[in-house]
């Protein structure tokens, strides 16, 4: 899983850099950044022999300008078209409309042999926790013992989720979600731990990662 995420981050970095160099505002993007700008950070740390670390730092204001310029596959004008076949005909917009008017609580709990999944709403955030399990035979007994293989934690402001689904049933408005995200304070968005590998996505006002 960590390899796929690292590759996604690399691709995102290269694509963003290419677009920035081809746009007229690229030259003064850094000089025009104010101290209260919101920055989206992605950090991927690998524990393999190469010990690779990937860091991406993008000002949200810049991302909002770049995104509409990218029209590829399902992404057009800052929106992603949803393949309803992939979504198995689930109306996620209707699900969110029901969720945002519901009191805080844990709404989905799935416990299986291989994974545990929890979806909850708390203090204006949507929380998603996914734990992947690893089973092995215990030395003390013949019974299998469970250890944690990987953990994914996602924390997204409900206002951002609402903006994401504002385009309609068959689209996700990524641009609107970025604009909604820029109105929030420092926020830890995604945390992934897979063995010794880690992925972190967060928002703050700093122009560099930790």
Foldseek 3Di string as FASTA:
>chain_A
DLVVVVVVLVVVVVVLVVLLVVDPCNVCPPVPADLLFKKKKKWKFDPDPVRDIDIDIGGLVSVLVRQCVDDDDQRHRQKGFADCVVVVVDQVLVVLVVVVPDDWDWDDWDDDPFKTWTWTDDPQKIKIKMWGWDWDADPVDRDIDIDTQKMKIFIAGSQLVNQQCVPDRGMGRNSSSSVSVRVDAKFWGMWMDGPPIIMTIIMHSDRGDD
